[in-house]
Amino acid sequence: MHEAGHAVVAWSLGLTIDAVWVTADDASGGTSISSIDHLSLPDQIAVCWGGTAAESVFECSSHEFAAFGDHGRVIELLEAHGISEEEHGPALRAEASRRHS
């Protein structure tokens, strides 16, 4: 469900989904999508946070590090834009969730 969340959000924003996969051995996986660089920051965050949001919405767990990876990607986006995680991260995640729920 986690990887599908990334794919659905990306697709809803007009991005191309190249592949979605889950590894049976440990439930890890990935989603290969086209570049998100042209999207607004909240939309970029929505794509990165889509997997974690899907886990919450559908009350299902995923690989133990999946949400951790999503969180890390959001932090990298914020840093790249010179934005403080502590100050603006939660609000931007909330905005991303509202825009694509």
PDB file of N, CA and C in Angstrom:
ATOM      1  N   MET A   1       0.822  -1.191   0.000  1.00  0.00           N
ATOM      2  CA  MET A   1       0.000   0.000   0.000  1.00  0.00           C
ATOM      3  C   MET A   1       0.869   1.259   0.000  1.00  0.00           C
ATOM      4  N   HIS A   2       1.998   1.208   0.680  1.00  0.00           N
ATOM      5  CA  HIS A   2       2.880   2.364   0.790  1.00  0.00           C
ATOM      6  C   HIS A   2       3.297   2.866  -0.590  1.00  0.00           C
ATOM      7  N   GLU A   3       3.842   1.980  -1.397  1.00  0.00           N
ATOM      8  CA  GLU A   3       4.333   2.383  -2.725  1.00  0.00           C
ATOM      9  C   GLU A   3       3.192   2.833  -3.622  1.00  0.00           C
ATOM     10  N   ALA A   4       2.037   2.215  -3.486  1.00  0.00           N
ATOM     11  CA  ALA A   4       0.870   2.638  -4.260  1.00  0.00           C
ATOM     12  C   ALA A   4       0.485   4.071  -3.912  1.00  0.00           C
ATOM     13  N   GLY A   5       0.659   4.459  -2.662  1.00  0.00           N
ATOM     14  CA  GLY A   5       0.363   5.830  -2.246  1.00  0.00           C
ATOM     15  C   GLY A   5       1.212   6.843  -2.998  1.00  0.00           C
ATOM     16  N   HIS A   6       2.522   6.555  -3.123  1.00  0.00           N
ATOM     17  CA  HIS A   6       3.385   7.444  -3.914  1.00  0.00           C
ATOM     18  C   HIS A   6       2.897   7.517  -5.360  1.00  0.00           C
ATOM     19  N   ALA A   7       2.581   6.354  -5.922  1.00  0.00           N
ATOM     20  CA  ALA A   7       2.172   6.288  -7.330  1.00  0.00           C
ATOM     21  C   ALA A   7       0.877   7.048  -7.581  1.00  0.00           C
ATOM     22  N   VAL A   8      -0.098   6.905  -6.709  1.00  0.00           N
ATOM     23  CA  VAL A   8      -1.393   7.568  -6.903  1.00  0.00           C
ATOM     24  C   VAL A   8      -1.238   9.081  -6.826  1.00  0.00           C
ATOM     25  N   VAL A   9      -0.487   9.566  -5.849  1.00  0.00           N
ATOM     26  CA  VAL A   9      -0.294  11.019  -5.734  1.00  0.00           C
ATOM     27  C   VAL A   9       0.456  11.535  -6.963  1.00  0.00           C
ATOM     28  N   ALA A  10       1.533  10.844  -7.364  1.00  0.00           N
ATOM     29  CA  ALA A  10       2.298  11.271  -8.539  1.00  0.00           C
ATOM     30  C   ALA A  10       1.417  11.291  -9.785  1.00  0.00           C
ATOM     31  N   TRP A  11       0.634  10.239  -9.976  1.00  0.00           N
ATOM     32  CA  TRP A  11      -0.264  10.151 -11.138  1.00  0.00           C
ATOM     33  C   TRP A  11      -1.277  11.296 -11.125  1.00  0.00           C
ATOM     34  N   SER A  12      -1.811  11.609  -9.928  1.00  0.00           N
ATOM     35  CA  SER A  12      -2.811  12.680  -9.838  1.00  0.00           C
ATOM     36  C   SER A  12      -2.233  14.042 -10.199  1.00  0.00           C
ATOM     37  N   LEU A  13      -0.911  14.164 -10.124  1.00  0.00           N
ATOM     38  CA  LEU A  13      -0.237  15.415 -10.484  1.00  0.00           C
ATOM     39  C   LEU A  13       0.293  15.389 -11.915  1.00  0.00           C
ATOM     40  N   GLY A  14      -0.070  14.352 -12.664  1.00  0.00           N
ATOM     41  CA  GLY A  14       0.311  14.271 -14.058  1.00  0.00           C
ATOM     42  C   GLY A  14       1.690  13.703 -14.320  1.00  0.00           C
ATOM     43  N   LEU A  15       2.306  13.104 -13.307  1.00  0.00           N
ATOM     44  CA  LEU A  15       3.630  12.513 -13.482  1.00  0.00           C
ATOM     45  C   LEU A  15       3.511  11.115 -14.083  1.00  0.00           C
ATOM     46  N   THR A  16       4.562  10.684 -14.740  1.00  0.00           N
ATOM     47  CA  THR A  16       4.615   9.356 -15.330  1.00  0.00           C
ATOM     48  C   THR A  16       5.121   8.366 -14.290  1.00  0.00           C
ATOM     49  N   ILE A  17       4.418   7.258 -14.148  1.00  0.00           N
ATOM     50  CA  ILE A  17       4.817   6.180 -13.241  1.00  0.00           C
ATOM     51  C   ILE A  17       5.495   5.115 -14.091  1.00  0.00           C
ATOM     52  N   ASP A  18       6.772   4.892 -13.857  1.00  0.00           N
ATOM     53  CA  ASP A  18       7.519   3.892 -14.623  1.00  0.00           C
ATOM     54  C   ASP A  18       7.397   2.504 -14.016  1.00  0.00           C
ATOM     55  N   ALA A  19       7.391   2.422 -12.691  1.00  0.00           N
ATOM     56  CA  ALA A  19       7.320   1.115 -12.033  1.00  0.00           C
ATOM     57  C   ALA A  19       6.967   1.291 -10.565  1.00  0.00           C
ATOM     58  N   VAL A  20       6.297   0.287 -10.031  1.00  0.00           N
ATOM     59  CA  VAL A  20       6.009   0.172  -8.598  1.00  0.00           C
ATOM     60  C   VAL A  20       6.338  -1.263  -8.230  1.00  0.00           C
ATOM     61  N   TRP A  21       7.100  -1.468  -7.151  1.00  0.00           N
ATOM     62  CA  TRP A  21       7.455  -2.835  -6.782  1.00  0.00           C
ATOM     63  C   TRP A  21       7.542  -2.997  -5.270  1.00  0.00           C
ATOM     64  N   VAL A  22       7.296  -4.220  -4.844  1.00  0.00           N
ATOM     65  CA  VAL A  22       7.442  -4.619  -3.445  1.00  0.00           C
ATOM     66  C   VAL A  22       8.209  -5.926  -3.454  1.00  0.00           C
ATOM     67  N   THR A  23       9.213  -6.027  -2.610  1.00  0.00           N
ATOM     68  CA  THR A  23      10.026  -7.226  -2.513  1.00  0.00           C
ATOM     69  C   THR A  23       9.410  -8.163  -1.484  1.00  0.00           C
ATOM     70  N   ALA A  24       9.124  -9.384  -1.886  1.00  0.00           N
ATOM     71  CA  ALA A  24       8.449 -10.347  -1.019  1.00  0.00           C
ATOM     72  C   ALA A  24       9.273 -10.697   0.219  1.00  0.00           C
ATOM     73  N   ASP A  25      10.584 -10.700   0.100  1.00  0.00           N
ATOM     74  CA  ASP A  25      11.440 -11.108   1.216  1.00  0.00           C
ATOM     75  C   ASP A  25      11.255 -10.259   2.468  1.00  0.00           C
ATOM     76  N   ASP A  26      11.210  -8.934   2.285  1.00  0.00           N
ATOM     77  CA  ASP A  26      11.166  -8.073   3.471  1.00  0.00           C
ATOM     78  C   ASP A  26      10.138  -6.943   3.370  1.00  0.00           C
ATOM     79  N   ALA A  27       9.295  -6.969   2.358  1.00  0.00           N
ATOM     80  CA  ALA A  27       8.243  -5.961   2.143  1.00  0.00           C
ATOM     81  C   ALA A  27       8.798  -4.570   1.821  1.00  0.00           C
ATOM     82  N   SER A  28      10.090  -4.496   1.478  1.00  0.00           N
ATOM     83  CA  SER A  28      10.619  -3.219   1.015  1.00  0.00           C
ATOM     84  C   SER A  28      10.129  -3.008  -0.417  1.00  0.00           C
ATOM     85  N   GLY A  29      10.305  -1.826  -0.939  1.00  0.00           N
ATOM     86  CA  GLY A  29       9.852  -1.582  -2.295  1.00  0.00           C
ATOM     87  C   GLY A  29      10.277  -0.232  -2.800  1.00  0.00           C
ATOM     88  N   GLY A  30       9.671   0.181  -3.885  1.00  0.00           N
ATOM     89  CA  GLY A  30       9.993   1.466  -4.477  1.00  0.00           C
ATOM     90  C   GLY A  30       8.986   1.846  -5.531  1.00  0.00           C
ATOM     91  N   THR A  31       9.057   3.107  -5.912  1.00  0.00           N
ATOM     92  CA  THR A  31       8.212   3.641  -6.972  1.00  0.00           C
ATOM     93  C   THR A  31       9.097   4.497  -7.854  1.00  0.00           C
ATOM     94  N   SER A  32       9.113   4.214  -9.132  1.00  0.00           N
ATOM     95  CA  SER A  32       9.907   4.981 -10.080  1.00  0.00           C
ATOM     96  C   SER A  32       8.966   5.908 -10.840  1.00  0.00           C
ATOM     97  N   ILE A  33       9.159   7.214 -10.619  1.00  0.00           N
ATOM     98  CA  ILE A  33       8.304   8.205 -11.270  1.00  0.00           C
ATOM     99  C   ILE A  33       9.175   9.243 -11.964  1.00  0.00           C
ATOM    100  N   SER A  34       8.546  10.010 -12.856  1.00  0.00           N
ATOM    101  CA  SER A  34       9.274  11.080 -13.537  1.00  0.00           C
ATOM    102  C   SER A  34       9.644  12.167 -12.526  1.00  0.00           C
ATOM    103  N   SER A  35      10.451  13.093 -12.958  1.00  0.00           N
ATOM    104  CA  SER A  35      10.962  14.151 -12.082  1.00  0.00           C
ATOM    105  C   SER A  35       9.833  14.965 -11.458  1.00  0.00           C
ATOM    106  N   ILE A  36      10.029  15.331 -10.187  1.00  0.00           N
ATOM    107  CA  ILE A  36       9.067  16.181  -9.485  1.00  0.00           C
ATOM    108  C   ILE A  36       9.557  17.627  -9.392  1.00  0.00           C
ATOM    109  N   ASP A  37      10.711  17.911  -9.960  1.00  0.00           N
ATOM    110  CA  ASP A  37      11.352  19.217  -9.791  1.00  0.00           C
ATOM    111  C   ASP A  37      10.498  20.405 -10.243  1.00  0.00           C
ATOM    112  N   HIS A  38       9.625  20.216 -11.228  1.00  0.00           N
ATOM    113  CA  HIS A  38       8.817  21.316 -11.744  1.00  0.00           C
ATOM    114  C   HIS A  38       7.575  21.596 -10.886  1.00  0.00           C
ATOM    115  N   LEU A  39       7.292  20.735  -9.924  1.00  0.00           N
ATOM    116  CA  LEU A  39       6.111  20.901  -9.076  1.00  0.00           C
ATOM    117  C   LEU A  39       6.367  21.927  -7.981  1.00  0.00           C
ATOM    118  N   SER A  40       5.296  22.482  -7.436  1.00  0.00           N
ATOM    119  CA  SER A  40       5.421  23.359  -6.268  1.00  0.00           C
ATOM    120  C   SER A  40       5.965  22.539  -5.096  1.00  0.00           C
ATOM    121  N   LEU A  41       6.530  23.209  -4.114  1.00  0.00           N
ATOM    122  CA  LEU A  41       7.071  22.502  -2.960  1.00  0.00           C
ATOM    123  C   LEU A  41       6.009  21.658  -2.252  1.00  0.00           C
ATOM    124  N   PRO A  42       4.793  22.172  -1.997  1.00  0.00           N
ATOM    125  CA  PRO A  42       3.783  21.310  -1.367  1.00  0.00           C
ATOM    126  C   PRO A  42       3.456  20.067  -2.201  1.00  0.00           C
ATOM    127  N   ASP A  43       3.447  20.205  -3.533  1.00  0.00           N
ATOM    128  CA  ASP A  43       3.178  19.041  -4.376  1.00  0.00           C
ATOM    129  C   ASP A  43       4.344  18.051  -4.334  1.00  0.00           C
ATOM    130  N   GLN A  44       5.574  18.542  -4.302  1.00  0.00           N
ATOM    131  CA  GLN A  44       6.736  17.658  -4.168  1.00  0.00           C
ATOM    132  C   GLN A  44       6.663  16.890  -2.852  1.00  0.00           C
ATOM    133  N   ILE A  45       6.294  17.594  -1.791  1.00  0.00           N
ATOM    134  CA  ILE A  45       6.156  16.956  -0.487  1.00  0.00           C
ATOM    135  C   ILE A  45       5.029  15.919  -0.533  1.00  0.00           C
ATOM    136  N   ALA A  46       3.939  16.241  -1.206  1.00  0.00           N
ATOM    137  CA  ALA A  46       2.826  15.293  -1.307  1.00  0.00           C
ATOM    138  C   ALA A  46       3.270  13.993  -1.953  1.00  0.00           C
ATOM    139  N   VAL A  47       4.074  14.067  -3.013  1.00  0.00           N
ATOM    140  CA  VAL A  47       4.563  12.852  -3.662  1.00  0.00           C
ATOM    141  C   VAL A  47       5.453  12.063  -2.702  1.00  0.00           C
ATOM    142  N   CYS A  48       6.361  12.750  -2.026  1.00  0.00           N
ATOM    143  CA  CYS A  48       7.260  12.065  -1.083  1.00  0.00           C
ATOM    144  C   CYS A  48       6.499  11.478   0.103  1.00  0.00           C
ATOM    145  N   TRP A  49       5.484  12.153   0.553  1.00  0.00           N
ATOM    146  CA  TRP A  49       4.744  11.761   1.757  1.00  0.00           C
ATOM    147  C   TRP A  49       3.579  10.831   1.435  1.00  0.00           C
ATOM    148  N   GLY A  50       3.301  10.598   0.143  1.00  0.00           N
ATOM    149  CA  GLY A  50       2.152   9.801  -0.270  1.00  0.00           C
ATOM    150  C   GLY A  50       2.131   8.393   0.283  1.00  0.00           C
ATOM    151  N   GLY A  51       3.292   7.768   0.398  1.00  0.00           N
ATOM    152  CA  GLY A  51       3.350   6.407   0.931  1.00  0.00           C
ATOM    153  C   GLY A  51       2.972   6.341   2.397  1.00  0.00           C
ATOM    154  N   THR A  52       3.522   7.258   3.170  1.00  0.00           N
ATOM    155  CA  THR A  52       3.214   7.304   4.591  1.00  0.00           C
ATOM    156  C   THR A  52       1.744   7.662   4.812  1.00  0.00           C
ATOM    157  N   ALA A  53       1.229   8.579   3.993  1.00  0.00           N
ATOM    158  CA  ALA A  53      -0.191   8.942   4.101  1.00  0.00           C
ATOM    159  C   ALA A  53      -1.079   7.744   3.795  1.00  0.00           C
ATOM    160  N   ALA A  54      -0.725   6.953   2.791  1.00  0.00           N
ATOM    161  CA  ALA A  54      -1.522   5.766   2.440  1.00  0.00           C
ATOM    162  C   ALA A  54      -1.544   4.764   3.591  1.00  0.00           C
ATOM    163  N   GLU A  55      -0.412   4.592   4.246  1.00  0.00           N
ATOM    164  CA  GLU A  55      -0.363   3.687   5.401  1.00  0.00           C
ATOM    165  C   GLU A  55      -1.347   4.137   6.466  1.00  0.00           C
ATOM    166  N   SER A  56      -1.416   5.433   6.696  1.00  0.00           N
ATOM    167  CA  SER A  56      -2.305   5.980   7.715  1.00  0.00           C
ATOM    168  C   SER A  56      -3.774   5.865   7.299  1.00  0.00           C
ATOM    169  N   VAL A  57      -4.073   6.277   6.080  1.00  0.00           N
ATOM    170  CA  VAL A  57      -5.455   6.268   5.597  1.00  0.00           C
ATOM    171  C   VAL A  57      -6.034   4.855   5.579  1.00  0.00           C
ATOM    172  N   PHE A  58      -5.238   3.898   5.102  1.00  0.00           N
ATOM    173  CA  PHE A  58      -5.730   2.530   4.961  1.00  0.00           C
ATOM    174  C   PHE A  58      -5.373   1.636   6.144  1.00  0.00           C
ATOM    175  N   GLU A  59      -4.794   2.245   7.194  1.00  0.00           N
ATOM    176  CA  GLU A  59      -4.449   1.537   8.429  1.00  0.00           C
ATOM    177  C   GLU A  59      -3.707   0.237   8.148  1.00  0.00           C
ATOM    178  N   CYS A  60      -2.630   0.362   7.382  1.00  0.00           N
ATOM    179  CA  CYS A  60      -1.805  -0.806   7.091  1.00  0.00           C
ATOM    180  C   CYS A  60      -0.339  -0.420   7.268  1.00  0.00           C
ATOM    181  N   SER A  61       0.437  -1.372   7.676  1.00  0.00           N
ATOM    182  CA  SER A  61       1.852  -1.102   7.868  1.00  0.00           C
ATOM    183  C   SER A  61       2.624  -1.518   6.624  1.00  0.00           C
ATOM    184  N   SER A  62       3.853  -1.064   6.563  1.00  0.00           N
ATOM    185  CA  SER A  62       4.725  -1.369   5.442  1.00  0.00           C
ATOM    186  C   SER A  62       6.080  -1.757   6.008  1.00  0.00           C
ATOM    187  N   HIS A  63       7.077  -1.761   5.166  1.00  0.00           N
ATOM    188  CA  HIS A  63       8.446  -2.020   5.612  1.00  0.00           C
ATOM    189  C   HIS A  63       8.766  -1.045   6.727  1.00  0.00           C
ATOM    190  N   GLU A  64       9.466  -1.501   7.746  1.00  0.00           N
ATOM    191  CA  GLU A  64       9.684  -0.683   8.936  1.00  0.00           C
ATOM    192  C   GLU A  64      10.406   0.635   8.656  1.00  0.00           C
ATOM    193  N   PHE A  65      11.158   0.729   7.571  1.00  0.00           N
ATOM    194  CA  PHE A  65      11.898   1.957   7.284  1.00  0.00           C
ATOM    195  C   PHE A  65      11.261   2.803   6.187  1.00  0.00           C
ATOM    196  N   ALA A  66      10.108   2.392   5.669  1.00  0.00           N
ATOM    197  CA  ALA A  66       9.475   3.108   4.557  1.00  0.00           C
ATOM    198  C   ALA A  66       9.111   4.543   4.949  1.00  0.00           C
ATOM    199  N   ALA A  67       8.405   4.719   6.040  1.00  0.00           N
ATOM    200  CA  ALA A  67       8.020   6.063   6.478  1.00  0.00           C
ATOM    201  C   ALA A  67       9.242   6.884   6.849  1.00  0.00           C
ATOM    202  N   PHE A  68      10.245   6.244   7.414  1.00  0.00           N
ATOM    203  CA  PHE A  68      11.496   6.925   7.764  1.00  0.00           C
ATOM    204  C   PHE A  68      12.137   7.505   6.503  1.00  0.00           C
ATOM    205  N   GLY A  69      12.143   6.722   5.415  1.00  0.00           N
ATOM    206  CA  GLY A  69      12.700   7.191   4.154  1.00  0.00           C
ATOM    207  C   GLY A  69      11.925   8.369   3.589  1.00  0.00           C
ATOM    208  N   ASP A  70      10.603   8.310   3.691  1.00  0.00           N
ATOM    209  CA  ASP A  70       9.769   9.418   3.213  1.00  0.00           C
ATOM    210  C   ASP A  70      10.073  10.687   4.005  1.00  0.00           C
ATOM    211  N   HIS A  71      10.163  10.549   5.303  1.00  0.00           N
ATOM    212  CA  HIS A  71      10.465  11.694   6.164  1.00  0.00           C
ATOM    213  C   HIS A  71      11.807  12.303   5.766  1.00  0.00           C
ATOM    214  N   GLY A  72      12.790  11.450   5.524  1.00  0.00           N
ATOM    215  CA  GLY A  72      14.113  11.928   5.121  1.00  0.00           C
ATOM    216  C   GLY A  72      14.081  12.679   3.806  1.00  0.00           C
ATOM    217  N   ARG A  73      13.301  12.186   2.845  1.00  0.00           N
ATOM    218  CA  ARG A  73      13.199  12.879   1.553  1.00  0.00           C
ATOM    219  C   ARG A  73      12.532  14.246   1.705  1.00  0.00           C
ATOM    220  N   VAL A  74      11.541  14.335   2.572  1.00  0.00           N
ATOM    221  CA  VAL A  74      10.894  15.628   2.808  1.00  0.00           C
ATOM    222  C   VAL A  74      11.891  16.592   3.446  1.00  0.00           C
ATOM    223  N   ILE A  75      12.656  16.128   4.406  1.00  0.00           N
ATOM    224  CA  ILE A  75      13.668  16.985   5.037  1.00  0.00           C
ATOM    225  C   ILE A  75      14.671  17.470   3.998  1.00  0.00           C
ATOM    226  N   GLU A  76      15.105  16.587   3.096  1.00  0.00           N
ATOM    227  CA  GLU A  76      16.034  16.994   2.032  1.00  0.00           C
ATOM    228  C   GLU A  76      15.420  18.077   1.145  1.00  0.00           C
ATOM    229  N   LEU A  77      14.136  17.938   0.804  1.00  0.00           N
ATOM    230  CA  LEU A  77      13.459  18.965   0.003  1.00  0.00           C
ATOM    231  C   LEU A  77      13.430  20.303   0.738  1.00  0.00           C
ATOM    232  N   LEU A  78      13.087  20.259   2.016  1.00  0.00           N
ATOM    233  CA  LEU A  78      13.027  21.498   2.794  1.00  0.00           C
ATOM    234  C   LEU A  78      14.398  22.162   2.855  1.00  0.00           C
ATOM    235  N   GLU A  79      15.426  21.377   3.128  1.00  0.00           N
ATOM    236  CA  GLU A  79      16.787  21.924   3.186  1.00  0.00           C
ATOM    237  C   GLU A  79      17.197  22.524   1.852  1.00  0.00           C
ATOM    238  N   ALA A  80      16.846  21.865   0.755  1.00  0.00           N
ATOM    239  CA  ALA A  80      17.190  22.365  -0.576  1.00  0.00           C
ATOM    240  C   ALA A  80      16.526  23.712  -0.858  1.00  0.00           C
ATOM    241  N   HIS A  81      15.392  23.967  -0.200  1.00  0.00           N
ATOM    242  CA  HIS A  81      14.678  25.235  -0.366  1.00  0.00           C
ATOM    243  C   HIS A  81      14.985  26.223   0.767  1.00  0.00           C
ATOM    244  N   GLY A  82      15.929  25.866   1.641  1.00  0.00           N
ATOM    245  CA  GLY A  82      16.310  26.749   2.737  1.00  0.00           C
ATOM    246  C   GLY A  82      15.234  26.911   3.792  1.00  0.00           C
ATOM    247  N   ILE A  83      14.433  25.861   3.986  1.00  0.00           N
ATOM    248  CA  ILE A  83      13.313  25.917   4.926  1.00  0.00           C
ATOM    249  C   ILE A  83      13.611  25.026   6.123  1.00  0.00           C
ATOM    250  N   SER A  84      13.313  25.515   7.313  1.00  0.00           N
ATOM    251  CA  SER A  84      13.544  24.777   8.551  1.00  0.00           C
ATOM    252  C   SER A  84      12.487  23.696   8.760  1.00  0.00           C
ATOM    253  N   GLU A  85      12.942  22.465   8.989  1.00  0.00           N
ATOM    254  CA  GLU A  85      12.022  21.348   9.293  1.00  0.00           C
ATOM    255  C   GLU A  85      11.211  21.657  10.544  1.00  0.00           C
ATOM    256  N   GLU A  86      11.883  22.107  11.584  1.00  0.00           N
ATOM    257  CA  GLU A  86      11.209  22.351  12.859  1.00  0.00           C
ATOM    258  C   GLU A  86      10.162  23.445  12.740  1.00  0.00           C
ATOM    259  N   GLU A  87      10.494  24.480  11.986  1.00  0.00           N
ATOM    260  CA  GLU A  87       9.616  25.637  11.905  1.00  0.00           C
ATOM    261  C   GLU A  87       8.457  25.445  10.916  1.00  0.00           C
ATOM    262  N   HIS A  88       8.735  24.833   9.745  1.00  0.00           N
ATOM    263  CA  HIS A  88       7.729  24.794   8.692  1.00  0.00           C
ATOM    264  C   HIS A  88       7.377  23.391   8.190  1.00  0.00           C
ATOM    265  N   GLY A  89       8.144  22.371   8.564  1.00  0.00           N
ATOM    266  CA  GLY A  89       7.903  21.016   8.070  1.00  0.00           C
ATOM    267  C   GLY A  89       6.495  20.500   8.327  1.00  0.00           C
ATOM    268  N   PRO A  90       6.022  20.529   9.572  1.00  0.00           N
ATOM    269  CA  PRO A  90       4.670  20.010   9.841  1.00  0.00           C
ATOM    270  C   PRO A  90       3.576  20.749   9.068  1.00  0.00           C
ATOM    271  N   ALA A  91       3.696  22.065   8.956  1.00  0.00           N
ATOM    272  CA  ALA A  91       2.676  22.833   8.244  1.00  0.00           C
ATOM    273  C   ALA A  91       2.688  22.507   6.750  1.00  0.00           C
ATOM    274  N   LEU A  92       3.875  22.349   6.171  1.00  0.00           N
ATOM    275  CA  LEU A  92       3.945  22.015   4.744  1.00  0.00           C
ATOM    276  C   LEU A  92       3.417  20.605   4.479  1.00  0.00           C
ATOM    277  N   ARG A  93       3.691  19.658   5.385  1.00  0.00           N
ATOM    278  CA  ARG A  93       3.131  18.302   5.227  1.00  0.00           C
ATOM    279  C   ARG A  93       1.601  18.346   5.295  1.00  0.00           C
ATOM    280  N   ALA A  94       1.082  19.136   6.241  1.00  0.00           N
ATOM    281  CA  ALA A  94      -0.375  19.271   6.375  1.00  0.00           C
ATOM    282  C   ALA A  94      -0.980  19.890   5.122  1.00  0.00           C
ATOM    283  N   GLU A  95      -0.330  20.919   4.584  1.00  0.00           N
ATOM    284  CA  GLU A  95      -0.825  21.550   3.353  1.00  0.00           C
ATOM    285  C   GLU A  95      -0.804  20.552   2.201  1.00  0.00           C
ATOM    286  N   ALA A  96       0.278  19.782   2.090  1.00  0.00           N
ATOM    287  CA  ALA A  96       0.378  18.769   1.033  1.00  0.00           C
ATOM    288  C   ALA A  96      -0.740  17.746   1.181  1.00  0.00           C
ATOM    289  N   SER A  97      -1.026  17.328   2.391  1.00  0.00           N
ATOM    290  CA  SER A  97      -2.083  16.346   2.627  1.00  0.00           C
ATOM    291  C   SER A  97      -3.461  16.900   2.257  1.00  0.00           C
ATOM    292  N   ARG A  98      -3.723  18.140   2.619  1.00  0.00           N
ATOM    293  CA  ARG A  98      -5.025  18.759   2.308  1.00  0.00           C
ATOM    294  C   ARG A  98      -5.225  18.921   0.805  1.00  0.00           C
ATOM    295  N   ARG A  99      -4.172  19.238   0.089  1.00  0.00           N
ATOM    296  CA  ARG A  99      -4.272  19.499  -1.344  1.00  0.00           C
ATOM    297  C   ARG A  99      -4.579  18.222  -2.128  1.00  0.00           C
ATOM    298  N   HIS A 100      -4.205  17.066  -1.578  1.00  0.00           N
ATOM    299  CA  HIS A 100      -4.325  15.828  -2.354  1.00  0.00           C
ATOM    300  C   HIS A 100      -5.062  14.738  -1.602  1.00  0.00           C
ATOM    301  N   SER A 101      -5.988  15.144  -0.755  1.00  0.00           N
ATOM    302  CA  SER A 101      -6.757  14.130  -0.027  1.00  0.00           C
ATOM    303  C   SER A 101      -8.107  13.915  -0.664  1.00  0.00           C
TER     304      SER A 101
END
